[in-house]
């Protein structure tokens, strides 16, 4: 059973590494995630929530009677590897990126699932303005057609256990049926949404779920003899050295930091008052495309991109925006602060080496 905990007077629940928060207002909603993420939710309860325009337009297409509606930002599902695809789900990171296609083509998506007399699947993708939605839908449909061949090549490289073999032998046929019964188009004549829909027998839901689960288990080596997993990084410095990926076409500092924070499992706070004192806005728009690099490199590129003036060298005095690490801040958790060079100097914060100028520490 989950353990009941308290944070700033609000109760939440924790089971193993997952925490849950149920609004005290009685709303038919709940939040789940890592404990530090749930604490962020509680911290921002009084703030006005908003969705990006692409997400809001997709939200209007959700149907309460469907069993599952998943809204997502395309950049987020491509970039947030550790938070979205932990452990056994790791192989899905490459699959999702491949299926959705180039990052600049879509901004957000909505996956809807309903199991009744039939299994209903719908994928809506909100397309970039310069991209024709029907073309995007057709490209995804064509990648679905390629999926069985790609899966066969992948499974052939594995030592499949006898337990999984009978089910995985049928997975290609399931994918072929998924492609065969999928139809695609744009949502309306002048719309920005690519739409793919599929109807399958209701039992297909169970078969697809079991086969996908076994494919992931075999890919991760869970069903066979495998080497022990590497120790999970614990300190903030170890997490900064861990490779990760962050990709988005255009976004602001707030969303970029949120994505990296979730991926690292470390709280990263933007000190808004510090930024205001130096005339820096949190809404500065920039793009980033960094893959499989240490988190500290990505964080450095974020502050370079969000700086008011264009800067390429972290030691450049024109770089106002930096980050500092606060270990066990006030006896609590490790934190990273997004601040300015001037305010960090005023407090006497230790500046990371890549930002240090001569005589600075």
Protein backbone atom coordinates (compact mmCIF):
# COMPACT_ATOMS: atom_id res chain seq x y z
CA UNK A 1 0.00 0.00 0.00
CA UNK A 2 1.20 3.56 -0.65
CA UNK A 3 2.62 5.57 2.25
CA UNK A 4 0.88 8.85 3.12
CA UNK A 5 3.29 11.80 3.35
CA UNK A 6 2.95 15.54 3.93
CA UNK A 7 4.58 18.46 2.10
CA UNK A 8 3.86 22.06 3.16
CA UNK A 9 0.60 20.86 4.66
CA UNK A 10 -0.60 18.94 1.61
CA UNK A 11 -0.91 15.14 1.75
CA UNK A 12 0.47 12.97 -1.05
CA UNK A 13 1.12 9.27 -1.46
CA UNK A 14 4.28 7.34 -2.28
CA UNK A 15 4.75 3.78 -3.49
CA UNK A 16 8.32 2.69 -4.18
CA UNK A 17 9.74 5.47 -6.43
CA UNK A 18 6.39 6.86 -7.63
CA UNK A 19 4.45 9.57 -5.80
CA UNK A 20 0.79 10.57 -6.28
CA UNK A 21 -1.12 13.74 -5.47
CA UNK A 22 -4.92 13.97 -5.34
CA UNK A 23 -6.27 17.54 -5.34
CA UNK A 24 -8.10 18.36 -2.13
CA UNK A 25 -10.72 20.15 -4.22
CA UNK A 26 -12.13 16.76 -5.20
CA UNK A 27 -11.41 17.27 -8.90
CA UNK A 28 -11.47 14.13 -11.05
CA UNK A 29 -7.74 14.28 -11.66
CA UNK A 30 -4.48 13.32 -10.03
CA UNK A 31 -0.77 13.82 -10.64
CA UNK A 32 1.87 11.09 -10.51
CA UNK A 33 5.63 11.16 -10.93
CA UNK A 34 8.86 11.18 -8.98
CA UNK A 35 8.61 12.64 -5.48
CA UNK A 36 10.47 15.84 -6.44
CA UNK A 37 8.04 16.36 -9.34
CA UNK A 38 5.00 16.01 -7.09
CA UNK A 39 6.48 18.54 -4.68
CA UNK A 40 6.78 20.95 -7.62
CA UNK A 41 3.09 20.37 -8.40
CA UNK A 42 2.15 21.21 -4.81
CA UNK A 43 4.40 24.31 -4.84
CA UNK A 44 2.56 25.70 -7.88
CA UNK A 45 -1.05 24.91 -6.90
CA UNK A 46 -1.92 28.59 -6.58
CA UNK A 47 -0.41 29.55 -9.93
CA UNK A 48 -2.49 29.83 -13.09
CA UNK A 49 -1.96 26.79 -15.32
CA UNK A 50 -1.79 27.13 -19.09
CA UNK A 51 -1.16 24.94 -22.08
CA UNK A 52 0.75 25.74 -25.23
CA UNK A 53 -1.60 26.66 -28.08
CA UNK A 54 -0.96 23.36 -29.86
CA UNK A 55 -1.76 21.39 -26.69
CA UNK A 56 -4.90 23.41 -25.99
CA UNK A 57 -6.26 22.79 -29.49
CA UNK A 58 -5.60 19.07 -29.12
CA UNK A 59 -7.17 19.05 -25.64
CA UNK A 60 -10.42 20.21 -27.22
CA UNK A 61 -10.39 16.97 -29.25
CA UNK A 62 -10.28 14.71 -26.19
CA UNK A 63 -13.36 12.68 -25.35
CA UNK A 64 -14.21 11.89 -21.73
CA UNK A 65 -15.78 8.54 -22.66
CA UNK A 66 -12.50 7.20 -24.06
CA UNK A 67 -10.49 5.06 -21.69
CA UNK A 68 -7.20 6.84 -22.32
CA UNK A 69 -6.19 10.25 -23.66
CA UNK A 70 -2.48 11.12 -23.65
CA UNK A 71 -1.51 14.69 -24.55
CA UNK A 72 2.18 15.29 -25.19
CA UNK A 73 4.61 17.88 -26.50
CA UNK A 74 6.65 16.36 -29.32
CA UNK A 75 9.93 17.88 -28.08
CA UNK A 76 9.27 16.54 -24.57
CA UNK A 77 8.76 12.90 -25.58
CA UNK A 78 11.90 13.10 -27.74
CA UNK A 79 14.11 14.75 -25.13
CA UNK A 80 13.10 13.52 -21.68
CA UNK A 81 14.74 10.11 -21.82
CA UNK A 82 15.36 9.24 -18.16
CA UNK A 83 12.02 10.47 -16.82
CA UNK A 84 9.76 9.03 -19.53
CA UNK A 85 11.62 5.85 -20.47
CA UNK A 86 13.17 4.41 -17.29
CA UNK A 87 14.35 0.82 -17.00
CA UNK A 88 12.42 -1.59 -19.18
CA UNK A 89 10.87 1.26 -21.19
CA UNK A 90 14.28 2.45 -22.44
CA UNK A 91 13.98 0.98 -25.97
CA UNK A 92 10.75 2.94 -26.55
CA UNK A 93 12.79 6.16 -26.70
CA UNK A 94 14.20 5.31 -30.14
CA UNK A 95 10.90 3.82 -31.36
CA UNK A 96 8.84 6.91 -30.46
CA UNK A 97 11.36 9.27 -32.04
CA UNK A 98 11.43 7.21 -35.24
CA UNK A 99 7.65 6.90 -35.50
CA UNK A 100 6.93 10.60 -34.93
CA UNK A 101 9.51 11.64 -37.51
CA UNK A 102 11.64 14.81 -37.67
CA UNK A 103 11.24 17.08 -34.66
CA UNK A 104 10.55 20.19 -36.69
CA UNK A 105 7.42 18.71 -38.30
CA UNK A 106 5.13 18.39 -35.26
CA UNK A 107 4.61 20.41 -32.08
CA UNK A 108 2.30 18.22 -30.00
CA UNK A 109 0.23 15.06 -30.12
CA UNK A 110 -2.81 13.30 -28.69
CA UNK A 111 -3.06 9.52 -28.43
CA UNK A 112 -6.57 8.21 -27.64
CA UNK A 113 -7.48 4.61 -26.85
CA UNK A 114 -10.87 3.02 -26.22
CA UNK A 115 -11.69 -0.65 -25.75
CA UNK A 116 -15.34 -1.55 -26.31
CA UNK A 117 -16.81 -3.87 -28.91
CA UNK A 118 -13.69 -2.94 -30.87
CA UNK A 119 -10.28 -1.49 -30.04
CA UNK A 120 -10.18 2.13 -31.21
CA UNK A 121 -6.83 3.91 -31.61
CA UNK A 122 -6.37 7.52 -32.72
CA UNK A 123 -3.19 9.58 -33.07
CA UNK A 124 -3.46 13.32 -33.70
CA UNK A 125 -0.34 15.37 -34.41
CA UNK A 126 -0.40 19.17 -34.38
CA UNK A 127 1.84 20.12 -37.30
CA UNK A 128 4.23 23.00 -37.81
CA UNK A 129 2.68 25.79 -39.88
CA UNK A 130 4.83 25.08 -42.95
CA UNK A 131 4.05 21.34 -42.92
CA UNK A 132 1.04 19.83 -44.71
CA UNK A 133 -0.87 17.71 -42.12
CA UNK A 134 -1.97 15.07 -44.61
CA UNK A 135 1.66 14.60 -45.68
CA UNK A 136 2.74 14.16 -42.04
CA UNK A 137 -0.05 11.59 -41.51
CA UNK A 138 0.98 9.69 -44.63
CA UNK A 139 4.64 9.65 -43.53
CA UNK A 140 3.68 8.15 -40.15
CA UNK A 141 1.48 5.61 -41.98
CA UNK A 142 4.43 4.63 -44.19
CA UNK A 143 6.66 4.18 -41.15
CA UNK A 144 4.02 1.85 -39.69
CA UNK A 145 4.38 -0.18 -42.89
CA UNK A 146 8.13 -0.45 -42.27
CA UNK A 147 7.71 -1.50 -38.63
CA UNK A 148 7.39 -5.30 -39.15
CA UNK A 149 10.66 -5.49 -41.11
CA UNK A 150 12.49 -3.36 -38.53
CA UNK A 151 11.08 -5.48 -35.72
CA UNK A 152 12.17 -8.73 -37.41
CA UNK A 153 15.73 -7.44 -37.80
CA UNK A 154 15.77 -6.40 -34.15
CA UNK A 155 14.35 -9.64 -32.74
CA UNK A 156 16.74 -11.67 -34.90
CA UNK A 157 19.63 -10.06 -33.01
CA UNK A 158 18.29 -11.22 -29.62
CA UNK A 159 18.47 -14.53 -27.81
CA UNK A 160 14.72 -14.86 -27.25
CA UNK A 161 13.67 -16.94 -24.26
CA UNK A 162 11.30 -19.92 -24.76
CA UNK A 163 8.73 -18.10 -22.62
CA UNK A 164 8.51 -15.11 -25.00
CA UNK A 165 9.08 -16.84 -28.34
CA UNK A 166 5.48 -17.97 -29.13
CA UNK A 167 4.02 -14.52 -28.51
CA UNK A 168 6.77 -12.54 -30.25
CA UNK A 169 6.44 -14.83 -33.28
CA UNK A 170 3.01 -13.26 -33.86
CA UNK A 171 3.97 -9.62 -33.19
CA UNK A 172 4.83 -8.93 -36.84
CA UNK A 173 1.34 -10.05 -37.88
CA UNK A 174 -0.14 -7.73 -35.25
CA UNK A 175 1.81 -4.78 -36.66
CA UNK A 176 0.75 -5.64 -40.20
CA UNK A 177 -2.89 -5.66 -39.08
CA UNK A 178 -2.38 -2.32 -37.31
CA UNK A 179 -1.09 -0.83 -40.56
CA UNK A 180 -3.73 -2.51 -42.74
CA UNK A 181 -6.66 -1.13 -40.75
CA UNK A 182 -5.26 2.37 -40.19
CA UNK A 183 -6.67 5.31 -42.14
CA UNK A 184 -5.14 8.79 -42.25
CA UNK A 185 -5.95 12.37 -43.27
CA UNK A 186 -5.95 15.91 -41.89
CA UNK A 187 -8.60 16.90 -39.33
CA UNK A 188 -10.35 19.47 -41.57
CA UNK A 189 -9.67 21.32 -44.86
CA UNK A 190 -7.66 24.16 -43.26
CA UNK A 191 -6.69 22.34 -40.07
CA UNK A 192 -3.20 21.83 -38.63
CA UNK A 193 -3.73 18.31 -37.30
CA UNK A 194 -2.62 15.07 -38.90
CA UNK A 195 -4.98 12.25 -37.89
CA UNK A 196 -4.51 8.46 -37.98
CA UNK A 197 -7.30 6.11 -36.83
CA UNK A 198 -7.49 2.36 -36.49
CA UNK A 199 -10.20 -0.14 -35.49
CA UNK A 200 -9.20 -3.66 -34.45
CA UNK A 201 -10.93 -6.53 -32.62
CA UNK A 202 -11.17 -5.79 -28.90
CA UNK A 203 -8.88 -8.73 -28.03
CA UNK A 204 -6.08 -7.02 -29.99
CA UNK A 205 -5.58 -4.63 -27.05
CA UNK A 206 -4.53 -7.47 -24.75
CA UNK A 207 -2.37 -9.16 -27.40
CA UNK A 208 -0.55 -5.94 -28.34
CA UNK A 209 0.06 -5.06 -24.68
CA UNK A 210 1.50 -8.48 -23.79
CA UNK A 211 3.64 -8.71 -26.93
CA UNK A 212 5.02 -5.18 -26.43
CA UNK A 213 5.83 -5.95 -22.79
CA UNK A 214 7.69 -9.13 -23.73
CA UNK A 215 9.57 -7.39 -26.57
CA UNK A 216 10.76 -4.75 -24.11
CA UNK A 217 11.76 -7.37 -21.54
CA UNK A 218 13.77 -9.32 -24.11
CA UNK A 219 15.41 -6.17 -25.47
CA UNK A 220 16.52 -5.15 -21.98
CA UNK A 221 17.81 -8.67 -21.34
CA UNK A 222 15.48 -9.25 -18.38
CA UNK A 223 14.50 -12.72 -19.55
CA UNK A 224 18.05 -13.87 -20.11
CA UNK A 225 21.32 -13.76 -18.19
CA UNK A 226 22.42 -10.14 -18.08
CA UNK A 227 25.14 -8.08 -16.47
CA UNK A 228 24.28 -6.20 -13.29
CA UNK A 229 22.86 -2.73 -13.86
CA UNK A 230 25.17 0.17 -13.33
CA UNK A 231 24.74 2.02 -10.05
CA UNK A 232 22.26 4.86 -10.30
CA UNK A 233 23.91 8.28 -9.89
CA UNK A 234 23.12 9.75 -6.48
CA UNK A 235 24.80 13.13 -6.10
CA UNK A 236 23.95 16.21 -8.13
CA UNK A 237 27.49 16.16 -9.56
CA UNK A 238 27.08 12.56 -10.74
CA UNK A 239 23.75 13.44 -12.35
CA UNK A 240 25.33 16.40 -14.14
CA UNK A 241 27.86 14.01 -15.69
CA UNK A 242 25.19 11.59 -16.93
CA UNK A 243 24.51 11.75 -20.70
CA UNK A 244 21.04 12.79 -21.79
CA UNK A 245 19.27 14.42 -24.74
CA UNK A 246 17.35 17.65 -25.17
CA UNK A 247 15.78 18.65 -28.47
CA UNK A 248 13.30 21.41 -29.25
CA UNK A 249 12.85 23.79 -32.15
CA UNK A 250 11.73 26.91 -30.25
CA UNK A 251 10.89 27.19 -26.56
CA UNK A 252 11.58 29.32 -23.50
CA UNK A 253 13.85 29.01 -20.47
CA UNK A 254 11.08 27.78 -18.17
CA UNK A 255 10.12 24.79 -20.32
CA UNK A 256 13.71 23.92 -21.21
CA UNK A 257 14.73 23.83 -17.54
CA UNK A 258 11.63 21.82 -16.60
CA UNK A 259 12.44 19.15 -19.21
CA UNK A 260 16.06 18.83 -18.11
CA UNK A 261 15.12 18.86 -14.42
CA UNK A 262 12.66 16.00 -14.93
CA UNK A 263 15.21 14.04 -16.93
CA UNK A 264 18.00 14.47 -14.37
CA UNK A 265 15.80 13.90 -11.33
CA UNK A 266 17.26 17.07 -9.76
CA UNK A 267 15.34 20.20 -8.80
CA UNK A 268 16.44 23.15 -10.94
CA UNK A 269 15.04 26.48 -9.76
CA UNK A 270 14.98 29.67 -11.81
CA UNK A 271 15.61 32.56 -9.41
CA UNK A 272 13.22 35.01 -11.04
CA UNK A 273 14.18 37.97 -8.83
CA UNK A 274 17.85 37.51 -9.72
CA UNK A 275 17.01 37.56 -13.42
CA UNK A 276 14.78 40.63 -13.06
CA UNK A 277 17.59 42.58 -11.35
CA UNK A 278 19.73 41.97 -14.46
CA UNK A 279 16.91 42.68 -16.90
CA UNK A 280 16.55 39.07 -18.10
CA UNK A 281 13.18 37.58 -19.06
CA UNK A 282 12.33 33.91 -18.57
CA UNK A 283 10.43 33.93 -21.87
CA UNK A 284 13.48 34.36 -24.11
CA UNK A 285 12.86 31.99 -27.06
CA UNK A 286 15.60 29.71 -28.42
CA UNK A 287 16.14 26.25 -29.88
CA UNK A 288 18.43 23.40 -28.92
CA UNK A 289 19.41 20.02 -30.37
CA UNK A 290 21.92 18.15 -28.18
CA UNK A 291 21.93 14.37 -28.02
CA UNK A 292 23.74 11.98 -25.68
CA UNK A 293 25.78 14.68 -23.96
CA UNK A 294 26.42 15.24 -20.23
CA UNK A 295 23.60 17.12 -18.56
CA UNK A 296 26.03 19.86 -17.48
CA UNK A 297 26.85 20.54 -21.16
CA UNK A 298 23.16 20.79 -22.02
CA UNK A 299 22.48 23.08 -19.04
CA UNK A 300 25.36 25.32 -20.12
CA UNK A 301 23.91 25.53 -23.63
CA UNK A 302 20.50 26.40 -22.20
CA UNK A 303 21.84 29.44 -20.32
CA UNK A 304 23.84 30.47 -23.39
CA UNK A 305 20.68 30.26 -25.51
CA UNK A 306 18.54 32.16 -22.99
CA UNK A 307 21.08 34.96 -22.45
CA UNK A 308 19.81 38.39 -23.59
CA UNK A 309 22.74 38.78 -26.03
CA UNK A 310 24.22 36.12 -28.28
CA UNK A 311 27.21 34.47 -26.58
CA UNK A 312 29.15 31.33 -27.50
CA UNK A 313 31.80 31.18 -24.74
CA UNK A 314 30.60 30.47 -21.17
CA UNK A 315 33.47 32.61 -19.84
CA UNK A 316 32.44 35.64 -21.90
CA UNK A 317 31.66 38.56 -19.51
CA UNK A 318 28.60 39.27 -21.70
CA UNK A 319 27.06 36.02 -20.43
CA UNK A 320 24.83 37.21 -17.60
CA UNK A 321 22.94 33.95 -17.09
CA UNK A 322 24.66 31.04 -15.33
CA UNK A 323 23.81 28.18 -12.98
CA UNK A 324 25.21 27.27 -9.56
CA UNK A 325 24.93 24.04 -7.57
CA UNK A 326 23.63 24.15 -3.99
CA UNK A 327 24.47 20.87 -2.26
CA UNK A 328 22.11 19.87 0.57
CA UNK A 329 20.65 23.36 0.52
CA UNK A 330 19.53 24.36 4.02
CA UNK A 331 19.94 20.73 5.08
CA UNK A 332 17.61 19.45 2.37
CA UNK A 333 18.08 18.14 -1.17
CA UNK A 334 20.68 19.10 -3.74
CA UNK A 335 19.49 21.97 -5.92
CA UNK A 336 20.62 23.80 -9.02
CA UNK A 337 19.88 27.50 -9.27
CA UNK A 338 19.53 29.41 -12.52
CA UNK A 339 20.81 32.84 -11.58
CA UNK A 340 23.04 35.60 -12.93
CA UNK A 341 26.77 36.09 -12.69
CA UNK A 342 26.27 39.33 -10.75
CA UNK A 343 23.85 37.90 -8.16
CA UNK A 344 25.96 34.76 -7.68
CA UNK A 345 28.97 37.00 -6.95
CA UNK A 346 26.92 39.10 -4.53
CA UNK A 347 25.95 35.99 -2.52
CA UNK A 348 29.41 34.42 -2.80
CA UNK A 349 28.09 31.35 -4.65
CA UNK A 350 30.66 28.94 -6.10
CA UNK A 351 30.56 29.29 -9.88
CA UNK A 352 31.03 26.12 -12.00
CA UNK A 353 34.46 25.99 -13.74
CA UNK A 354 33.12 26.53 -17.27
CA UNK A 355 31.78 29.96 -16.28
CA UNK A 356 34.74 31.11 -14.18
CA UNK A 357 36.69 34.16 -15.25
CA UNK A 358 40.19 34.97 -14.04
CA UNK A 359 40.24 35.35 -10.27
CA UNK A 360 36.67 34.04 -9.90
CA UNK A 361 35.62 30.96 -7.97
